[in-house]
């Protein structure tokens, strides 16, 4: 029987734990951020830096931060990078259990202070399905009387063992922009890592694989034609907060996203779900 419990971290962050015959998982209510997912009998599928001390008000450096309602730096430089959802307290509003698969649903209440960033009447939810695979959907519903445009990402950090041995596959033919330059065309299916990599792909297929020394991680996306591939390498690792200098060796981000020309415009009453599903390849 699946067991779902709510606890509080030593630093005050509230979280929900899932223990079932299929997996172990943990999600923080701050940011609706999943920081652990371990299928039973398999290795962890998410990575978190050991330098992160889980302080309230900071997004955790790892797991799956939620970037919403914009991705990256806003044109207003004083506004928070990657939006405000990842630092806000979400509410847990439902739990479903069927055949040991646990689905948790959280909603982000929009506080009065958030209205200066987002003066629209919308509802945003995160639906997390914990089984042998992890399925996460970021749900947007436009409750306003005018169209609303947003960008977003599920900023997934993966444990890859050794960046020098990592091969990311499933990129052939896609266009990408890197460090504001491009678009370039990916002419090979494989991506190897020899320097800082920060690519925004568009026109990308729905499935990619991360071939690591410990197995292959399969990353699927739905309602997303863009994705972000990121590793900070040596110099940027030294500048990042809550990140060890050598953490770049052990992680990569492959993010389901709607960015650039893949931005989402919702008509009044329209709904959109950005979904990522991750698993170890059998």
Protein backbone atom coordinates (compact mmCIF):
# COMPACT_ATOMS: atom_id res chain seq x y z
CA UNK A 1 0.00 0.00 0.00
CA UNK A 2 1.38 3.40 -0.99
CA UNK A 3 2.18 5.69 1.93
CA UNK A 4 1.98 9.47 1.49
CA UNK A 5 3.23 11.66 4.33
CA UNK A 6 3.81 15.37 4.91
CA UNK A 7 6.87 16.52 6.85
CA UNK A 8 8.98 19.62 7.46
CA UNK A 9 12.68 19.92 6.59
CA UNK A 10 15.07 21.05 9.34
CA UNK A 11 15.22 24.45 7.62
CA UNK A 12 11.45 24.81 7.59
CA UNK A 13 10.47 23.71 4.06
CA UNK A 14 7.35 21.56 3.96
CA UNK A 15 7.42 18.50 1.71
CA UNK A 16 5.39 15.45 0.71
CA UNK A 17 6.97 11.98 0.56
CA UNK A 18 5.67 9.07 -1.48
CA UNK A 19 6.64 5.49 -0.65
CA UNK A 20 5.07 2.78 -2.79
CA UNK A 21 5.89 -0.60 -4.28
CA UNK A 22 6.94 1.28 -7.41
CA UNK A 23 9.05 4.22 -6.20
CA UNK A 24 10.17 6.71 -3.62
CA UNK A 25 9.58 10.41 -4.32
CA UNK A 26 9.67 13.74 -2.53
CA UNK A 27 8.17 17.09 -3.56
CA UNK A 28 8.64 20.42 -1.78
CA UNK A 29 5.63 22.71 -1.53
CA UNK A 30 7.94 25.68 -2.09
CA UNK A 31 8.11 25.85 -5.86
CA UNK A 32 6.25 22.52 -6.28
CA UNK A 33 9.78 21.21 -6.78
CA UNK A 34 10.40 17.47 -6.95
CA UNK A 35 13.86 16.85 -5.53
CA UNK A 36 13.89 13.05 -5.44
CA UNK A 37 12.49 10.24 -7.58
CA UNK A 38 13.82 6.70 -7.25
CA UNK A 39 12.07 3.81 -9.02
CA UNK A 40 12.17 0.68 -6.86
CA UNK A 41 15.27 -1.40 -7.58
CA UNK A 42 16.84 1.33 -9.71
CA UNK A 43 19.12 4.34 -9.30
CA UNK A 44 17.83 7.88 -8.63
CA UNK A 45 16.56 9.72 -11.70
CA UNK A 46 17.07 13.26 -10.37
CA UNK A 47 20.19 15.08 -9.21
CA UNK A 48 20.55 17.73 -6.47
CA UNK A 49 23.78 19.52 -5.56
CA UNK A 50 25.19 18.60 -2.15
CA UNK A 51 26.01 22.33 -1.77
CA UNK A 52 22.32 23.27 -1.54
CA UNK A 53 21.19 23.84 2.06
CA UNK A 54 17.42 24.04 1.36
CA UNK A 55 16.95 27.58 2.60
CA UNK A 56 13.41 29.01 2.35
CA UNK A 57 13.16 31.58 -0.42
CA UNK A 58 15.73 29.88 -2.67
CA UNK A 59 14.88 27.43 -5.42
CA UNK A 60 16.72 24.14 -4.88
CA UNK A 61 19.72 23.58 -7.19
CA UNK A 62 18.52 20.33 -8.67
CA UNK A 63 15.44 18.14 -9.05
CA UNK A 64 12.79 19.77 -11.25
CA UNK A 65 12.39 23.53 -10.66
CA UNK A 66 9.25 25.00 -12.27
CA UNK A 67 10.03 27.99 -14.51
CA UNK A 68 6.83 30.06 -14.93
CA UNK A 69 5.42 32.35 -16.33
CA UNK A 70 8.63 33.16 -18.14
CA UNK A 71 11.83 31.27 -18.84
CA UNK A 72 15.26 32.86 -18.43
CA UNK A 73 15.82 36.55 -17.80
CA UNK A 74 12.77 38.81 -18.09
CA UNK A 75 13.19 42.04 -20.14
CA UNK A 76 12.74 43.80 -16.81
CA UNK A 77 16.12 42.91 -15.31
CA UNK A 78 14.88 43.43 -11.74
CA UNK A 79 12.34 40.65 -12.02
CA UNK A 80 13.30 37.12 -10.90
CA UNK A 81 15.03 34.87 -13.40
CA UNK A 82 12.83 32.00 -14.62
CA UNK A 83 9.72 33.59 -13.14
CA UNK A 84 8.39 33.61 -9.60
CA UNK A 85 6.66 30.21 -9.32
CA UNK A 86 9.79 28.36 -8.18
CA UNK A 87 10.08 30.45 -4.98
CA UNK A 88 6.39 30.55 -4.02
CA UNK A 89 4.43 28.27 -1.72
CA UNK A 90 2.11 25.94 -3.64
CA UNK A 91 -0.95 24.22 -2.17
CA UNK A 92 -1.53 20.46 -2.32
CA UNK A 93 -5.17 19.99 -3.34
CA UNK A 94 -5.57 16.30 -4.23
CA UNK A 95 -4.04 12.82 -4.03
CA UNK A 96 -5.08 9.77 -6.04
CA UNK A 97 -3.74 6.24 -5.69
CA UNK A 98 -4.45 3.51 -8.23
CA UNK A 99 -2.49 0.26 -8.55
CA UNK A 100 0.31 1.78 -6.42
CA UNK A 101 0.63 4.73 -8.83
CA UNK A 102 0.34 7.98 -6.86
CA UNK A 103 -0.84 11.22 -8.46
CA UNK A 104 -0.39 14.46 -6.52
CA UNK A 105 -1.87 17.74 -7.73
CA UNK A 106 -0.69 21.15 -6.54
CA UNK A 107 -1.91 24.65 -7.37
CA UNK A 108 -0.10 28.00 -7.18
CA UNK A 109 -2.13 30.72 -5.43
CA UNK A 110 -1.35 34.12 -6.93
CA UNK A 111 -0.60 36.57 -4.11
CA UNK A 112 -1.26 40.30 -4.38
CA UNK A 113 2.48 40.92 -4.77
CA UNK A 114 2.61 38.54 -7.73
CA UNK A 115 0.17 40.71 -9.67
CA UNK A 116 2.92 43.18 -10.50
CA UNK A 117 4.61 40.37 -12.44
CA UNK A 118 1.49 38.66 -13.73
CA UNK A 119 -1.67 40.84 -13.90
CA UNK A 120 -3.75 38.06 -15.49
CA UNK A 121 -6.48 35.81 -14.18
CA UNK A 122 -5.02 32.35 -14.71
CA UNK A 123 -4.74 29.07 -12.84
CA UNK A 124 -1.52 27.06 -12.84
CA UNK A 125 -1.28 23.52 -11.48
CA UNK A 126 1.40 20.83 -11.28
CA UNK A 127 0.29 17.21 -11.68
CA UNK A 128 2.87 14.59 -10.62
CA UNK A 129 2.39 10.90 -11.40
CA UNK A 130 4.77 8.65 -9.47
CA UNK A 131 5.13 5.04 -10.69
CA UNK A 132 7.99 3.21 -12.35
CA UNK A 133 8.20 6.37 -14.45
CA UNK A 134 7.85 9.98 -13.33
CA UNK A 135 5.31 12.01 -15.27
CA UNK A 136 4.99 15.74 -14.53
CA UNK A 137 2.51 18.13 -16.17
CA UNK A 138 2.46 21.90 -15.79
CA UNK A 139 -1.16 22.92 -16.44
CA UNK A 140 -2.16 26.45 -17.48
CA UNK A 141 -5.78 27.62 -17.67
CA UNK A 142 -6.68 31.10 -18.90
CA UNK A 143 -9.61 32.37 -16.81
CA UNK A 144 -9.32 35.90 -18.18
CA UNK A 145 -11.25 37.66 -20.96
CA UNK A 146 -8.18 38.26 -23.13
CA UNK A 147 -5.37 36.12 -24.59
CA UNK A 148 -2.38 35.43 -22.35
CA UNK A 149 1.15 34.55 -23.54
CA UNK A 150 3.75 32.78 -21.41
CA UNK A 151 6.97 30.81 -21.60
CA UNK A 152 7.80 27.97 -19.24
CA UNK A 153 10.03 24.98 -18.51
CA UNK A 154 10.35 21.94 -16.29
CA UNK A 155 14.03 22.47 -15.48
CA UNK A 156 15.01 18.80 -14.91
CA UNK A 157 18.46 17.96 -13.51
CA UNK A 158 19.71 14.44 -14.28
CA UNK A 159 22.51 12.41 -12.63
CA UNK A 160 24.82 11.32 -15.44
CA UNK A 161 27.89 9.99 -13.58
CA UNK A 162 30.54 11.56 -15.80
CA UNK A 163 29.89 14.39 -18.24
CA UNK A 164 32.86 13.24 -20.34
CA UNK A 165 31.14 9.91 -20.98
CA UNK A 166 27.64 11.31 -21.51
CA UNK A 167 26.06 11.02 -24.97
CA UNK A 168 22.76 12.84 -25.45
CA UNK A 169 20.77 11.43 -28.38
CA UNK A 170 17.70 12.44 -30.35
CA UNK A 171 18.71 15.90 -31.61
CA UNK A 172 19.34 15.38 -35.33
CA UNK A 173 17.80 18.03 -37.58
CA UNK A 174 16.64 20.34 -34.80
CA UNK A 175 17.50 24.04 -34.76
CA UNK A 176 19.12 25.59 -31.70
CA UNK A 177 20.33 28.89 -30.32
CA UNK A 178 23.32 28.99 -27.99
CA UNK A 179 24.51 32.02 -25.99
CA UNK A 180 22.14 34.20 -28.01
CA UNK A 181 23.65 33.14 -31.34
CA UNK A 182 22.16 31.07 -34.13
CA UNK A 183 19.96 29.43 -35.14
CA UNK A 184 22.24 26.52 -35.92
CA UNK A 185 21.16 23.16 -37.29
CA UNK A 186 22.04 20.01 -35.38
CA UNK A 187 23.62 17.79 -38.05
CA UNK A 188 24.24 14.76 -35.81
CA UNK A 189 21.90 12.82 -33.57
CA UNK A 190 24.44 12.77 -30.71
CA UNK A 191 25.61 15.63 -28.48
CA UNK A 192 28.94 15.29 -26.64
CA UNK A 193 30.09 17.70 -23.94
CA UNK A 194 33.48 19.39 -24.05
CA UNK A 195 32.62 22.93 -22.88
CA UNK A 196 29.78 24.95 -21.39
CA UNK A 197 26.59 23.99 -23.19
CA UNK A 198 23.45 26.15 -23.07
CA UNK A 199 21.25 25.33 -26.04
CA UNK A 200 17.60 26.13 -26.69
CA UNK A 201 16.30 23.66 -29.27
CA UNK A 202 13.21 24.22 -31.41
CA UNK A 203 11.54 21.77 -33.74
CA UNK A 204 12.81 18.94 -31.59
CA UNK A 205 11.35 15.44 -31.60
CA UNK A 206 9.39 14.24 -28.57
CA UNK A 207 11.94 11.75 -27.17
CA UNK A 208 15.62 12.10 -26.22
CA UNK A 209 18.01 9.76 -24.39
CA UNK A 210 20.88 10.41 -22.02
CA UNK A 211 23.38 7.56 -22.34
CA UNK A 212 25.37 7.49 -19.10
CA UNK A 213 27.91 5.03 -17.63
CA UNK A 214 25.11 3.74 -15.38
CA UNK A 215 22.36 3.27 -17.96
CA UNK A 216 20.15 5.25 -20.31
CA UNK A 217 17.66 7.86 -19.12
CA UNK A 218 14.70 8.36 -21.46
CA UNK A 219 13.15 11.84 -21.52
CA UNK A 220 9.80 12.34 -23.25
CA UNK A 221 7.94 15.61 -23.81
CA UNK A 222 4.34 16.44 -24.72
CA UNK A 223 2.94 19.77 -25.98
CA UNK A 224 6.49 21.03 -26.21
CA UNK A 225 8.41 21.63 -29.43
CA UNK A 226 11.34 23.22 -27.61
CA UNK A 227 13.81 21.97 -25.03
CA UNK A 228 16.84 23.29 -23.16
CA UNK A 229 20.12 21.36 -22.85
CA UNK A 230 22.49 22.79 -20.23
CA UNK A 231 25.75 22.04 -18.49
CA UNK A 232 27.66 24.95 -16.87
CA UNK A 233 31.17 23.44 -17.26
CA UNK A 234 34.14 24.76 -15.28
CA UNK A 235 34.04 28.56 -15.11
CA UNK A 236 30.30 29.02 -14.64
CA UNK A 237 30.22 26.32 -11.95
CA UNK A 238 32.54 28.50 -9.88
CA UNK A 239 30.08 31.40 -10.12
CA UNK A 240 26.85 29.54 -9.37
CA UNK A 241 25.30 29.75 -5.90
CA UNK A 242 24.55 26.51 -4.06
CA UNK A 243 26.69 24.55 -6.53
CA UNK A 244 30.05 22.84 -6.02
CA UNK A 245 32.90 23.68 -8.36
CA UNK A 246 32.98 20.12 -9.71
CA UNK A 247 29.21 19.49 -9.84
CA UNK A 248 29.21 19.99 -13.61
CA UNK A 249 30.88 16.58 -13.90
CA UNK A 250 27.85 14.80 -12.49
CA UNK A 251 24.78 16.53 -13.95
CA UNK A 252 23.05 17.75 -17.06
CA UNK A 253 19.74 19.54 -17.56
CA UNK A 254 17.36 18.48 -20.32
CA UNK A 255 14.23 20.56 -19.95
CA UNK A 256 10.77 20.23 -21.45
CA UNK A 257 9.92 23.79 -22.42
CA UNK A 258 7.79 26.24 -24.38
CA UNK A 259 10.17 29.09 -25.27
CA UNK A 260 11.03 31.43 -28.15
CA UNK A 261 8.63 30.76 -31.07
CA UNK A 262 7.19 27.88 -29.01
CA UNK A 263 5.73 30.32 -26.46
CA UNK A 264 2.17 29.48 -25.41
CA UNK A 265 -0.71 31.87 -26.15
CA UNK A 266 -3.95 30.88 -24.44
CA UNK A 267 -7.30 32.20 -25.63
CA UNK A 268 -9.89 32.94 -22.93
CA UNK A 269 -10.94 29.64 -21.37
CA UNK A 270 -8.13 27.67 -23.06
CA UNK A 271 -6.02 25.06 -21.27
CA UNK A 272 -2.46 23.86 -21.98
CA UNK A 273 -0.38 21.07 -20.41
CA UNK A 274 3.40 20.94 -20.70
CA UNK A 275 4.46 17.37 -19.80
CA UNK A 276 7.73 15.55 -19.25
CA UNK A 277 8.07 11.83 -18.53
CA UNK A 278 11.35 10.31 -17.39
CA UNK A 279 12.48 6.76 -16.80
CA UNK A 280 15.43 4.42 -16.97
CA UNK A 281 15.45 2.48 -20.23
CA UNK A 282 14.70 -1.19 -19.64
